[in-house]
Amino acid sequence: MSLFFIYPMFLLAANSFLSNKDTSEWVGFHNYIHVLTSKSFHQTLLNTVNYVLGAVTLELAIGMMIALMLSTGFKGSNVIRTLMLTPLMISPLVCGLVWKFMLNDQFGILNVFLYKVGLIDTPQGILWLSDSRYALISVMMADIWLTTPFMMLVLLAGINGIPQRLYEAAQLDGANKFQRFWHITLPSIKSVMVVAVVLRMIDAARTFDIIWVMTQGGPNNSTALVSTAIYKSLARYNQEGYASAMAIIFMILLLGICSVFLKYFWNPGKKAS
């Protein structure tokens, strides 16, 4: 912890008060003021919020549906569950490359499929990665495909841990499937679900590989997240102080959001009744 967390965090905080590493000029809170008043940072922060909310919400919904389906234990469910874990074995970099080819507006398989079924007029009908209206949705699709299995696996483990007698008692009382899900399944896996969502929120907020491979933050910064903005400021423009301040502010915001989320939604001691 001291070597890989406390010391780097100390350096990061110290660098945020300097102009850059080469000159080591003390600028005080200038970098923080610059970040907080920057329209570019506001846009990347908004993109990050939209990306996290969209990706995590859909991953939770799809993961829940698949977990509920697999929890019934139908014939072949074990095989399907194993196949569903395949995306977790692929690195985000490879995932980004695969989806970049699939969404290519010249030869991408998705546009060809949509053209074959008559949903678009030409194979180049949708510029997935070149149009700012679709670019963020496109990178979000790749993230959802890559990490939904994680959400499904965590939720499935929580569902399988619910005592079967609760469902049997509810069924004897005349509760239908939706009522059993709402009053037994959801309260029982609430803590597991909250932890999974928080982990995914943190992971999605710091996404870099997929974005950089597919769009590098373009077009017109429509897919630029805080992570890509920090990288560009540091690696391309040598603005180490500005990038460090941006990282500190982003970590504080992320920690604050996750803390509030855990405080109000995580209650591991509460059981379904």
Protein backbone atom coordinates (compact mmCIF):
# COMPACT_ATOMS: atom_id res chain seq x y z
CA MET A 1 0.00 0.00 0.00
CA SER A 2 2.82 2.39 0.84
CA LEU A 3 4.79 1.64 -2.33
CA PHE A 4 1.98 1.39 -4.87
CA PHE A 5 -0.70 3.69 -3.43
CA ILE A 6 0.38 6.17 -0.74
CA TYR A 7 3.66 7.23 -2.40
CA PRO A 8 2.16 7.65 -5.91
CA MET A 9 -0.81 9.54 -4.44
CA PHE A 10 1.59 11.86 -2.61
CA LEU A 11 3.48 12.52 -5.85
CA LEU A 12 0.24 13.07 -7.74
CA ALA A 13 -0.98 15.61 -5.17
CA ALA A 14 2.40 17.38 -5.14
CA ASN A 15 2.56 17.56 -8.93
CA SER A 16 -0.91 19.09 -9.09
CA PHE A 17 0.52 22.28 -7.57
CA LEU A 18 3.31 22.52 -10.18
CA SER A 19 3.21 23.72 -13.78
CA ASN A 20 5.02 20.62 -15.08
CA LYS A 21 7.72 18.22 -13.95
CA ASP A 22 10.54 19.81 -15.96
CA THR A 23 10.24 23.36 -14.62
CA SER A 24 8.76 22.45 -11.22
CA GLU A 25 7.25 25.94 -11.03
CA TRP A 26 4.89 26.36 -8.06
CA VAL A 27 1.50 27.56 -9.26
CA GLY A 28 -0.64 26.87 -6.19
CA PHE A 29 -4.29 26.15 -6.95
CA HIS A 30 -4.05 27.50 -10.50
CA ASN A 31 -4.33 24.01 -12.02
CA TYR A 32 -7.42 23.21 -9.98
CA ILE A 33 -9.08 26.49 -10.94
CA HIS A 34 -8.17 25.86 -14.57
CA VAL A 35 -9.74 22.38 -14.46
CA LEU A 36 -12.92 23.47 -12.69
CA THR A 37 -13.49 26.38 -15.09
CA SER A 38 -12.56 24.48 -18.25
CA LYS A 39 -15.42 23.84 -20.67
CA SER A 40 -13.42 20.93 -22.07
CA PHE A 41 -13.28 19.26 -18.66
CA HIS A 42 -17.00 19.85 -18.16
CA GLN A 43 -17.69 18.12 -21.48
CA THR A 44 -15.46 15.14 -20.69
CA LEU A 45 -17.05 14.86 -17.24
CA LEU A 46 -20.53 14.87 -18.80
CA ASN A 47 -19.42 12.24 -21.32
CA THR A 48 -18.06 10.12 -18.47
CA VAL A 49 -21.31 10.40 -16.49
CA ASN A 50 -23.38 9.44 -19.56
CA TYR A 51 -21.02 6.57 -20.34
CA VAL A 52 -21.10 5.19 -16.79
CA LEU A 53 -24.86 5.56 -16.35
CA GLY A 54 -25.69 4.06 -19.74
CA ALA A 55 -23.23 1.16 -19.60
CA VAL A 56 -23.76 0.15 -15.97
CA THR A 57 -27.57 0.43 -16.15
CA LEU A 58 -27.80 -1.80 -19.21
CA GLU A 59 -25.23 -4.24 -17.81
CA LEU A 60 -27.26 -4.51 -14.61
CA ALA A 61 -30.54 -5.04 -16.48
CA ILE A 62 -29.16 -7.56 -18.99
CA GLY A 63 -27.05 -9.30 -16.35
CA MET A 64 -30.09 -9.62 -14.09
CA MET A 65 -32.24 -11.12 -16.85
CA ILE A 66 -29.58 -13.67 -17.79
CA ALA A 67 -28.88 -14.52 -14.13
CA LEU A 68 -32.60 -15.11 -13.47
CA MET A 69 -32.83 -17.30 -16.54
CA LEU A 70 -29.76 -19.37 -15.61
CA SER A 71 -30.87 -19.70 -11.97
CA THR A 72 -33.81 -21.86 -13.07
CA GLY A 73 -31.33 -24.63 -13.85
CA PHE A 74 -32.82 -25.65 -17.19
CA LYS A 75 -31.09 -28.28 -19.29
CA GLY A 76 -27.90 -26.85 -20.81
CA SER A 77 -27.76 -23.85 -18.44
CA ASN A 78 -24.24 -24.77 -17.32
CA VAL A 79 -23.00 -24.77 -20.92
CA ILE A 80 -24.64 -21.41 -21.64
CA ARG A 81 -23.21 -19.95 -18.43
CA THR A 82 -19.72 -21.05 -19.46
CA LEU A 83 -20.12 -19.57 -22.94
CA MET A 84 -21.42 -16.33 -21.44
CA LEU A 85 -18.12 -15.91 -19.59
CA THR A 86 -16.13 -15.84 -22.84
CA PRO A 87 -15.93 -12.00 -23.11
CA LEU A 88 -14.27 -11.85 -19.68
CA MET A 89 -11.30 -13.73 -21.15
CA ILE A 90 -10.68 -10.99 -23.73
CA SER A 91 -8.66 -7.89 -22.86
CA PRO A 92 -10.33 -4.48 -23.29
CA LEU A 93 -7.78 -3.64 -25.98
CA VAL A 94 -8.74 -6.65 -28.09
CA CYS A 95 -12.42 -5.98 -27.42
CA GLY A 96 -12.01 -2.43 -28.72
CA LEU A 97 -10.28 -3.64 -31.88
CA VAL A 98 -12.98 -6.25 -32.56
CA TRP A 99 -15.80 -3.76 -32.16
CA LYS A 100 -13.94 -1.15 -34.19
CA PHE A 101 -13.92 -3.53 -37.15
CA MET A 102 -17.52 -4.59 -36.55
CA LEU A 103 -18.73 -0.97 -36.51
CA ASN A 104 -16.62 0.22 -39.43
CA ASP A 105 -18.84 2.18 -41.82
CA GLN A 106 -17.14 0.72 -44.90
CA PHE A 107 -17.00 -3.02 -44.22
CA GLY A 108 -18.37 -3.46 -40.69
CA ILE A 109 -20.55 -6.51 -40.19
CA LEU A 110 -23.20 -4.61 -38.20
CA ASN A 111 -24.03 -2.19 -41.02
CA VAL A 112 -24.05 -5.05 -43.52
CA PHE A 113 -26.53 -6.94 -41.34
CA LEU A 114 -28.78 -3.91 -40.90
CA TYR A 115 -28.69 -3.36 -44.67
CA LYS A 116 -29.55 -7.00 -45.39
CA VAL A 117 -32.63 -6.88 -43.15
CA GLY A 118 -33.72 -3.56 -44.67
CA LEU A 119 -33.24 -1.29 -41.65
CA ILE A 120 -30.84 1.05 -43.49
CA ASP A 121 -30.72 2.07 -47.16
CA THR A 122 -26.98 1.56 -47.75
CA PRO A 123 -24.21 -0.46 -46.05
CA GLN A 124 -22.73 2.91 -45.02
CA GLY A 125 -26.03 4.16 -43.60
CA ILE A 126 -24.79 4.64 -40.02
CA LEU A 127 -21.37 6.11 -39.26
CA TRP A 128 -21.03 4.48 -35.88
CA LEU A 129 -17.59 5.79 -34.99
CA SER A 130 -17.47 8.91 -37.19
CA ASP A 131 -20.74 10.54 -36.20
CA SER A 132 -20.82 12.27 -32.81
CA ARG A 133 -24.46 11.21 -32.40
CA TYR A 134 -23.55 7.52 -32.35
CA ALA A 135 -19.92 7.41 -31.23
CA LEU A 136 -20.54 7.31 -27.47
CA ILE A 137 -23.27 4.70 -27.92
CA SER A 138 -20.87 2.63 -30.04
CA VAL A 139 -18.09 2.49 -27.44
CA MET A 140 -20.74 1.84 -24.80
CA MET A 141 -21.90 -1.22 -26.75
CA ALA A 142 -18.39 -2.66 -26.63
CA ASP A 143 -18.15 -2.09 -22.87
CA ILE A 144 -21.57 -3.68 -22.27
CA TRP A 145 -20.62 -6.76 -24.29
CA LEU A 146 -17.31 -7.08 -22.43
CA THR A 147 -18.48 -6.70 -18.83
CA THR A 148 -22.12 -7.85 -18.70
CA PRO A 149 -20.88 -11.41 -17.94
CA PHE A 150 -19.23 -10.07 -14.78
CA MET A 151 -22.51 -8.56 -13.62
CA MET A 152 -24.36 -11.75 -14.53
CA LEU A 153 -21.90 -13.92 -12.61
CA VAL A 154 -22.10 -11.82 -9.43
CA LEU A 155 -25.90 -11.62 -9.50
CA LEU A 156 -26.22 -15.34 -10.24
CA ALA A 157 -24.07 -16.14 -7.20
CA GLY A 158 -26.33 -13.95 -5.07
CA ILE A 159 -29.51 -15.52 -6.42
CA ASN A 160 -28.20 -19.05 -5.86
CA GLY A 161 -27.51 -18.16 -2.23
CA ILE A 162 -31.17 -17.36 -1.47
CA PRO A 163 -32.82 -20.13 0.60
CA GLN A 164 -35.32 -22.02 -1.52
CA ARG A 165 -37.78 -22.20 1.40
CA LEU A 166 -38.53 -18.49 0.98
CA TYR A 167 -39.81 -19.06 -2.55
CA GLU A 168 -41.77 -22.13 -1.46
CA ALA A 169 -43.47 -20.22 1.35
CA ALA A 170 -44.30 -17.30 -0.95
CA GLN A 171 -45.71 -19.67 -3.57
CA LEU A 172 -47.95 -21.30 -0.95
CA ASP A 173 -49.20 -17.81 -0.05
CA GLY A 174 -50.21 -17.29 -3.68
CA ALA A 175 -47.39 -14.96 -4.79
CA ASN A 176 -46.74 -14.90 -8.54
CA LYS A 177 -43.30 -14.84 -10.19
CA PHE A 178 -43.03 -11.07 -10.26
CA GLN A 179 -44.05 -10.77 -6.60
CA ARG A 180 -41.48 -13.39 -5.60
CA PHE A 181 -38.82 -11.52 -7.56
CA TRP A 182 -39.76 -8.13 -6.11
CA HIS A 183 -40.22 -9.16 -2.47
CA ILE A 184 -37.66 -11.97 -2.15
CA THR A 185 -35.01 -11.93 -4.87
CA LEU A 186 -34.30 -8.19 -5.01
CA PRO A 187 -34.11 -7.60 -1.22
CA SER A 188 -31.97 -10.71 -0.76
CA ILE A 189 -29.36 -9.74 -3.36
CA LYS A 190 -29.48 -5.98 -2.72
CA SER A 191 -26.06 -5.89 -1.03
CA VAL A 192 -24.48 -8.03 -3.74
CA MET A 193 -26.06 -5.90 -6.44
CA VAL A 194 -24.87 -2.64 -4.87
CA VAL A 195 -21.28 -3.89 -4.57
CA ALA A 196 -21.34 -5.08 -8.20
CA VAL A 197 -22.72 -1.74 -9.39
CA VAL A 198 -20.14 0.27 -7.42
CA LEU A 199 -17.29 -1.85 -8.77
CA ARG A 200 -18.59 -1.44 -12.30
CA MET A 201 -19.09 2.31 -11.84
CA ILE A 202 -15.45 2.70 -10.81
CA ASP A 203 -14.27 0.44 -13.62
CA ALA A 204 -16.41 2.16 -16.26
CA ALA A 205 -15.42 5.64 -15.11
CA ARG A 206 -11.73 4.88 -15.62
CA THR A 207 -12.22 3.16 -18.99
CA PHE A 208 -9.39 3.98 -21.37
CA ASP A 209 -8.43 1.03 -23.58
CA ILE A 210 -11.73 0.65 -25.42
CA ILE A 211 -12.19 4.38 -25.97
CA TRP A 212 -8.64 4.94 -27.16
CA VAL A 213 -8.62 2.02 -29.59
CA MET A 214 -12.02 2.78 -31.09
CA THR A 215 -12.16 6.61 -31.27
CA GLN A 216 -9.32 8.21 -29.28
CA GLY A 217 -11.98 10.49 -27.82
CA GLY A 218 -13.38 11.69 -31.15
CA PRO A 219 -15.18 12.78 -33.16
CA ASN A 220 -15.30 16.32 -31.76
CA ASN A 221 -14.55 14.98 -28.26
CA SER A 222 -17.93 13.23 -28.20
CA THR A 223 -16.35 10.11 -26.65
CA ALA A 224 -13.62 11.85 -24.65
CA LEU A 225 -13.75 10.66 -21.04
CA VAL A 226 -11.80 12.05 -18.11
CA SER A 227 -9.29 9.20 -18.47
CA THR A 228 -8.49 10.09 -22.09
CA ALA A 229 -8.33 13.80 -21.22
CA ILE A 230 -5.78 13.09 -18.48
CA TYR A 231 -3.71 10.99 -20.87
CA LYS A 232 -3.72 13.63 -23.61
CA SER A 233 -2.80 16.42 -21.19
CA LEU A 234 0.09 14.39 -19.80
CA ALA A 235 1.45 12.51 -22.82
CA ARG A 236 0.74 14.91 -25.67
CA TYR A 237 0.88 18.39 -24.12
CA ASN A 238 3.26 17.74 -21.18
CA GLN A 239 0.79 19.42 -18.80
CA GLU A 240 1.67 17.26 -15.82
CA GLY A 241 0.33 19.69 -13.22
CA TYR A 242 -2.98 20.14 -15.05
CA ALA A 243 -3.35 16.37 -15.59
CA SER A 244 -2.56 15.67 -11.93
CA ALA A 245 -5.14 18.21 -10.75
CA MET A 246 -7.70 16.68 -13.10
CA ALA A 247 -6.96 13.22 -11.69
CA ILE A 248 -7.27 14.41 -8.07
CA ILE A 249 -10.61 16.14 -8.73
CA PHE A 250 -11.92 13.11 -10.60
CA MET A 251 -10.92 10.71 -7.81
CA ILE A 252 -12.58 12.92 -5.18
CA LEU A 253 -15.80 13.06 -7.22
CA LEU A 254 -15.77 9.31 -7.83
CA LEU A 255 -15.06 8.44 -4.20
CA GLY A 256 -17.79 10.81 -3.06
CA ILE A 257 -20.39 9.33 -5.40
CA CYS A 258 -19.49 5.75 -4.48
CA SER A 259 -19.51 6.57 -0.75
CA VAL A 260 -22.99 8.08 -0.97
CA PHE A 261 -24.17 5.13 -3.06
CA LEU A 262 -22.90 2.62 -0.51
CA LYS A 263 -24.22 4.61 2.45
CA TYR A 264 -27.80 4.79 1.20
CA PHE A 265 -28.15 1.50 -0.69
CA TRP A 266 -25.81 -1.05 0.92
CA ASN A 267 -27.32 -2.82 3.92
CA PRO A 268 -25.77 -6.31 4.22
CA GLY A 269 -27.51 -7.00 7.51
CA LYS A 270 -31.02 -6.73 6.11
CA LYS A 271 -32.66 -9.97 5.06
CA ALA A 272 -35.73 -10.72 3.02
CA SER A 273 -38.80 -11.52 5.09
